[in-house]
Amino acid sequence: MNFNFYHFNFNVLDLDKSLKFYEKALKLQEDRRVVAEDGSFILVYLTDKNKHFDLELTWIRDRTDKYNLGENEFHLAFKTEDFDEAYKFHKENDWIVFDNPEMGIYFISDPDGYWIEILPPHM
């Protein structure tokens, strides 16, 4: 029996704002979406250019309260070949929420407060 990663979910309050962030900050593109017939929710699946894994953004119409993210102990991680350029870009856009130069990594935050780890290619 084999299992493959398929997607991970983040619930978001402002779908348009989140889509703009993920496209600009991480170059993710919408692959597909599911819209409930009654408009109560929308699922948008984002993917990178390799299309091996999706980030599912779930928007729920009646949700107005911010999501409880605990202590941000869970996160997504992305590797980049252009780590220094990515760091500069994320810094200029004020998205970096935690910088760990000793480990050579940093974290950015999306509009809902989810943390995303950015790694250099050698990790």
Protein backbone atom coordinates (compact mmCIF):
# COMPACT_ATOMS: atom_id res chain seq x y z
CA MET A 1 0.00 0.00 0.00
CA ASN A 2 1.45 3.38 -1.05
CA PHE A 3 0.42 6.85 0.01
CA ASN A 4 1.35 10.14 -1.64
CA PHE A 5 1.01 13.65 -0.33
CA TYR A 6 -1.93 15.32 -2.04
CA HIS A 7 -2.85 18.59 -0.34
CA PHE A 8 -2.80 20.56 2.86
CA ASN A 9 -5.57 22.93 3.97
CA PHE A 10 -5.59 26.46 5.36
CA ASN A 11 -8.94 28.10 6.17
CA VAL A 12 -8.99 31.77 5.16
CA LEU A 13 -11.25 34.72 5.89
CA ASP A 14 -10.59 36.78 2.75
CA LEU A 15 -10.10 34.49 -0.22
CA ASP A 16 -9.09 37.22 -2.70
CA LYS A 17 -6.50 38.64 -0.31
CA SER A 18 -5.08 35.18 0.34
CA LEU A 19 -4.92 34.31 -3.37
CA LYS A 20 -3.02 37.53 -4.09
CA PHE A 21 -0.59 36.81 -1.26
CA TYR A 22 0.20 33.24 -2.33
CA GLU A 23 0.60 34.25 -5.95
CA LYS A 24 2.89 37.17 -5.14
CA ALA A 25 4.85 35.73 -2.21
CA LEU A 26 5.30 32.13 -3.38
CA LYS A 27 4.35 32.13 -7.08
CA LEU A 28 1.55 29.61 -6.47
CA GLN A 29 -1.18 29.42 -9.08
CA GLU A 30 -4.78 28.32 -8.87
CA ASP A 31 -5.16 24.81 -10.24
CA ARG A 32 -8.86 24.26 -9.61
CA ARG A 33 -11.74 25.32 -7.39
CA VAL A 34 -14.92 23.91 -5.94
CA VAL A 35 -17.85 26.23 -5.22
CA ALA A 36 -20.74 25.00 -3.11
CA GLU A 37 -24.08 25.22 -4.94
CA ASP A 38 -25.50 27.34 -2.12
CA GLY A 39 -22.37 29.55 -1.98
CA SER A 40 -21.58 28.48 1.59
CA PHE A 41 -17.95 27.62 0.85
CA ILE A 42 -15.26 27.80 -1.81
CA LEU A 43 -12.23 25.53 -2.04
CA VAL A 44 -9.30 26.78 -4.11
CA TYR A 45 -6.35 24.50 -4.82
CA LEU A 46 -3.02 26.22 -5.38
CA THR A 47 0.04 24.52 -6.79
CA ASP A 48 3.61 25.28 -7.72
CA LYS A 49 5.05 24.76 -11.19
CA ASN A 50 5.85 21.08 -10.42
CA LYS A 51 2.25 20.25 -9.46
CA HIS A 52 3.23 17.55 -6.95
CA PHE A 53 1.34 18.97 -4.00
CA ASP A 54 -1.54 21.41 -3.48
CA LEU A 55 -2.38 23.98 -0.88
CA GLU A 56 -6.14 24.04 -0.40
CA LEU A 57 -7.56 27.36 0.71
CA THR A 58 -11.03 27.01 2.22
CA TRP A 59 -13.29 30.03 2.46
CA ILE A 60 -16.50 29.64 4.49
CA ARG A 61 -19.14 32.30 3.82
CA ASP A 62 -20.53 32.58 7.35
CA ARG A 63 -17.15 32.61 9.10
CA THR A 64 -16.23 36.03 10.48
CA ASP A 65 -14.04 35.18 13.48
CA LYS A 66 -10.31 34.85 13.04
CA TYR A 67 -9.10 31.24 13.06
CA ASN A 68 -7.30 30.01 16.18
CA LEU A 69 -3.83 29.01 15.00
CA GLY A 70 -2.56 28.03 18.42
CA GLU A 71 1.10 28.86 18.78
CA ASN A 72 1.91 28.43 15.06
CA GLU A 73 3.66 25.16 15.77
CA PHE A 74 2.44 23.77 12.45
CA HIS A 75 3.54 25.28 9.16
CA LEU A 76 4.25 24.67 5.50
CA ALA A 77 7.80 24.75 4.19
CA PHE A 78 9.12 25.79 0.79
CA LYS A 79 12.62 25.42 -0.62
CA THR A 80 13.98 27.94 -3.09
CA GLU A 81 17.03 28.00 -5.31
CA ASP A 82 17.12 31.79 -4.91
CA PHE A 83 17.13 32.00 -1.12
CA ASP A 84 18.89 35.38 -0.83
CA GLU A 85 16.64 36.94 -3.46
CA ALA A 86 13.54 35.45 -1.81
CA TYR A 87 14.65 36.76 1.59
CA LYS A 88 15.11 40.27 0.20
CA PHE A 89 11.73 40.15 -1.57
CA HIS A 90 9.88 38.88 1.52
CA LYS A 91 11.66 41.43 3.74
CA GLU A 92 10.72 44.29 1.39
CA ASN A 93 7.08 43.23 1.58
CA ASP A 94 7.19 42.98 5.39
CA TRP A 95 6.13 39.32 5.39
CA ILE A 96 8.97 37.92 7.52
CA VAL A 97 7.75 37.11 11.03
CA PHE A 98 10.67 35.04 12.29
CA ASP A 99 14.25 35.00 11.07
CA ASN A 100 16.70 32.29 12.16
CA PRO A 101 20.06 33.09 10.53
CA GLU A 102 21.82 30.45 12.64
CA MET A 103 19.77 27.74 10.94
CA GLY A 104 19.66 29.60 7.62
CA ILE A 105 15.86 29.73 7.49
CA TYR A 106 13.07 32.21 8.00
CA PHE A 107 9.28 32.28 8.21
CA ILE A 108 6.75 34.47 6.46
CA SER A 109 3.10 34.92 7.45
CA ASP A 110 0.03 34.91 5.22
CA PRO A 111 -2.96 37.28 5.72
CA ASP A 112 -4.58 34.88 8.22
CA GLY A 113 -1.41 34.42 10.27
CA TYR A 114 -0.30 31.01 9.00
CA TRP A 115 3.48 30.66 9.10
CA ILE A 116 5.42 29.43 6.07
CA GLU A 117 9.04 28.33 6.41
CA ILE A 118 11.48 29.28 3.65
CA LEU A 119 14.49 27.01 3.22
CA PRO A 120 17.63 27.21 1.08
CA PRO A 121 18.15 24.44 -1.50
CA HIS A 122 20.76 22.51 0.54
CA MET A 123 18.41 21.69 3.43
